[in-house]
Structures are given as structure tokens and as C-alpha cells.
Amino acid sequence: MTKDISLHPLAQRELNDSIRFYNSVSIDLAADLLAQFESASAFIRDNPLSTTIVLDDIRKKRLKRFPYNIIFAIREDSIRILALAHHSRKPFYWVGRS
């Protein structure tokens, strides 16, 4: 059974900010980022345990073509995306989000 996915408000902000940045470079890049995020989210929804463990019950899925990881936690009945973490950003800055 697949689980519903929700985004932490700060993860939603990170996604919006990233799309806005890539949109300033190219509409096609922004659209591709969103498509990659949606594809990775679908993979997470369908195969959450096939991803890399980062910390305790926190996992990550790398986006293709973009320097981001989706950081998420598997809950009993859902999946919570905690961050869209850029590879150059301070590691584990998202610890404490739930």
C-alpha cells in the first residue's frame, strides 16, 4: 500500500525558492526541476525503503540532473518530506523538522 506524502512548510519553501531560481535562468530548467521532484516523490511514495538512510528513520532520494536531495521520514501512515536540501548547503540543517 502506498502512503500519502506531505511537505514540511520549509521544504515547500525550499522547493518554491529553487523553482523560482531556475525559472530566472530558464523556464525549461524550472519545469524540469519540478518534474524531477515529482518523479522522485512518486518513487519515494512507491518504494520508500529503497532509498538511502541518512539518520535514524530519515532517508534521502537524490534528484537527477539537479544538486538536491529530498530528505524525508516514513511515518506509520504517511511520508513527510522534511527538506529539499541543496548539496552545497550545511549538512543536517533540517534536523529538528517533523
C-alpha atoms as a PDB file:
ATOM      1  CA  MET A   1       0.000   0.000   0.000  1.00  0.00           C
ATOM      2  CA  THR A   2       1.352   3.409  -0.924  1.00  0.00           C
ATOM      3  CA  LYS A   3       1.409   6.208   1.604  1.00  0.00           C
ATOM      4  CA  ASP A   4       0.352   9.827   1.250  1.00  0.00           C
ATOM      5  CA  ILE A   5       3.151  12.382   1.026  1.00  0.00           C
ATOM      6  CA  SER A   6       3.143  15.748   2.763  1.00  0.00           C
ATOM      7  CA  LEU A   7       5.715  18.535   2.712  1.00  0.00           C
ATOM      8  CA  HIS A   8       7.007  20.362   5.741  1.00  0.00           C
ATOM      9  CA  PRO A   9       6.326  24.095   5.190  1.00  0.00           C
ATOM     10  CA  LEU A  10      10.063  24.818   4.998  1.00  0.00           C
ATOM     11  CA  ALA A  11      10.517  22.036   2.430  1.00  0.00           C
ATOM     12  CA  GLN A  12       7.733  23.636   0.384  1.00  0.00           C
ATOM     13  CA  ARG A  13       9.536  26.971   0.643  1.00  0.00           C
ATOM     14  CA  GLU A  14      12.817  25.361  -0.474  1.00  0.00           C
ATOM     15  CA  LEU A  15      11.057  23.836  -3.480  1.00  0.00           C
ATOM     16  CA  ASN A  16       9.390  27.141  -4.382  1.00  0.00           C
ATOM     17  CA  ASP A  17      12.654  29.069  -3.988  1.00  0.00           C
ATOM     18  CA  SER A  18      14.532  26.555  -6.145  1.00  0.00           C
ATOM     19  CA  ILE A  19      11.903  26.677  -8.883  1.00  0.00           C
ATOM     20  CA  ARG A  20      11.947  30.476  -8.774  1.00  0.00           C
ATOM     21  CA  PHE A  21      15.754  30.487  -9.095  1.00  0.00           C
ATOM     22  CA  TYR A  22      15.795  28.091 -12.058  1.00  0.00           C
ATOM     23  CA  ASN A  23      12.900  29.977 -13.644  1.00  0.00           C
ATOM     24  CA  SER A  24      15.091  33.106 -13.646  1.00  0.00           C
ATOM     25  CA  VAL A  25      17.639  31.113 -15.659  1.00  0.00           C
ATOM     26  CA  SER A  26      15.275  29.151 -17.900  1.00  0.00           C
ATOM     27  CA  ILE A  27      11.609  28.211 -17.802  1.00  0.00           C
ATOM     28  CA  ASP A  28      12.602  24.795 -19.146  1.00  0.00           C
ATOM     29  CA  LEU A  29      15.037  24.243 -16.263  1.00  0.00           C
ATOM     30  CA  ALA A  30      12.378  25.212 -13.728  1.00  0.00           C
ATOM     31  CA  ALA A  31       9.889  22.831 -15.345  1.00  0.00           C
ATOM     32  CA  ASP A  32      12.494  20.057 -15.370  1.00  0.00           C
ATOM     33  CA  LEU A  33      13.277  20.607 -11.680  1.00  0.00           C
ATOM     34  CA  LEU A  34       9.590  20.319 -10.818  1.00  0.00           C
ATOM     35  CA  ALA A  35       9.263  17.191 -12.986  1.00  0.00           C
ATOM     36  CA  GLN A  36      12.308  15.620 -11.306  1.00  0.00           C
ATOM     37  CA  PHE A  37      10.909  16.465  -7.871  1.00  0.00           C
ATOM     38  CA  GLU A  38       7.547  14.914  -8.760  1.00  0.00           C
ATOM     39  CA  SER A  39       9.215  11.816 -10.219  1.00  0.00           C
ATOM     40  CA  ALA A  40      11.416  11.354  -7.150  1.00  0.00           C
ATOM     41  CA  SER A  41       8.412  11.902  -4.864  1.00  0.00           C
ATOM     42  CA  ALA A  42       6.476   9.194  -6.728  1.00  0.00           C
ATOM     43  CA  PHE A  43       9.454   6.841  -6.357  1.00  0.00           C
ATOM     44  CA  ILE A  44       9.588   7.619  -2.630  1.00  0.00           C
ATOM     45  CA  ARG A  45       5.841   7.013  -2.286  1.00  0.00           C
ATOM     46  CA  ASP A  46       6.065   3.639  -4.051  1.00  0.00           C
ATOM     47  CA  ASN A  47       9.495   2.480  -2.767  1.00  0.00           C
ATOM     48  CA  PRO A  48      10.352   4.334   0.444  1.00  0.00           C
ATOM     49  CA  LEU A  49      12.615   1.595   1.781  1.00  0.00           C
ATOM     50  CA  SER A  50      14.690   1.551  -1.434  1.00  0.00           C
ATOM     51  CA  THR A  51      16.303   4.849  -0.516  1.00  0.00           C
ATOM     52  CA  THR A  52      19.400   5.753   1.464  1.00  0.00           C
ATOM     53  CA  ILE A  53      19.214   6.023   5.252  1.00  0.00           C
ATOM     54  CA  VAL A  54      20.631   9.337   6.429  1.00  0.00           C
ATOM     55  CA  LEU A  55      19.928   9.438  10.153  1.00  0.00           C
ATOM     56  CA  ASP A  56      17.809   7.107  12.294  1.00  0.00           C
ATOM     57  CA  ASP A  57      14.459   6.992  10.455  1.00  0.00           C
ATOM     58  CA  ILE A  58      15.343   9.758   7.979  1.00  0.00           C
ATOM     59  CA  ARG A  59      16.066   8.870   4.349  1.00  0.00           C
ATOM     60  CA  LYS A  60      17.040  10.673   1.168  1.00  0.00           C
ATOM     61  CA  LYS A  61      16.430  10.453  -2.558  1.00  0.00           C
ATOM     62  CA  ARG A  62      18.710  12.331  -4.934  1.00  0.00           C
ATOM     63  CA  LEU A  63      17.195  14.295  -7.796  1.00  0.00           C
ATOM     64  CA  LYS A  64      18.501  13.576 -11.278  1.00  0.00           C
ATOM     65  CA  ARG A  65      20.270  16.476 -13.046  1.00  0.00           C
ATOM     66  CA  PHE A  66      19.982  18.797 -10.043  1.00  0.00           C
ATOM     67  CA  PRO A  67      22.128  19.173  -6.903  1.00  0.00           C
ATOM     68  CA  TYR A  68      19.340  18.362  -4.459  1.00  0.00           C
ATOM     69  CA  ASN A  69      18.257  15.559  -2.161  1.00  0.00           C
ATOM     70  CA  ILE A  70      14.722  15.046  -0.954  1.00  0.00           C
ATOM     71  CA  ILE A  71      15.025  14.391   2.780  1.00  0.00           C
ATOM     72  CA  PHE A  72      12.049  12.523   4.216  1.00  0.00           C
ATOM     73  CA  ALA A  73      10.723  10.479   7.114  1.00  0.00           C
ATOM     74  CA  ILE A  74       8.497   7.435   6.861  1.00  0.00           C
ATOM     75  CA  ARG A  75       5.586   7.686   9.275  1.00  0.00           C
ATOM     76  CA  GLU A  76       3.122   4.956  10.196  1.00  0.00           C
ATOM     77  CA  ASP A  77       0.560   6.040   7.604  1.00  0.00           C
ATOM     78  CA  SER A  78       2.362   8.708   5.564  1.00  0.00           C
ATOM     79  CA  ILE A  79       5.645  10.091   4.304  1.00  0.00           C
ATOM     80  CA  ARG A  80       6.788  13.546   5.369  1.00  0.00           C
ATOM     81  CA  ILE A  81       9.217  15.442   3.148  1.00  0.00           C
ATOM     82  CA  LEU A  82      11.363  17.448   5.548  1.00  0.00           C
ATOM     83  CA  ALA A  83      13.660  19.281   3.135  1.00  0.00           C
ATOM     84  CA  LEU A  84      14.773  19.808  -0.418  1.00  0.00           C
ATOM     85  CA  ALA A  85      18.432  20.005   0.527  1.00  0.00           C
ATOM     86  CA  HIS A  86      20.974  21.530  -1.852  1.00  0.00           C
ATOM     87  CA  HIS A  87      24.225  19.555  -1.934  1.00  0.00           C
ATOM     88  CA  SER A  88      26.262  22.669  -1.015  1.00  0.00           C
ATOM     89  CA  ARG A  89      24.145  23.602   1.968  1.00  0.00           C
ATOM     90  CA  LYS A  90      25.246  22.805   5.505  1.00  0.00           C
ATOM     91  CA  PRO A  91      24.580  19.096   6.145  1.00  0.00           C
ATOM     92  CA  PHE A  92      21.777  18.200   8.531  1.00  0.00           C
ATOM     93  CA  TYR A  93      20.445  21.778   8.735  1.00  0.00           C
ATOM     94  CA  TRP A  94      16.964  20.221   8.556  1.00  0.00           C
ATOM     95  CA  VAL A  95      17.359  18.159  11.763  1.00  0.00           C
ATOM     96  CA  GLY A  96      14.537  19.095  14.094  1.00  0.00           C
ATOM     97  CA  ARG A  97      11.872  19.314  11.418  1.00  0.00           C
ATOM     98  CA  SER A  98       8.984  16.910  11.761  1.00  0.00           C
END
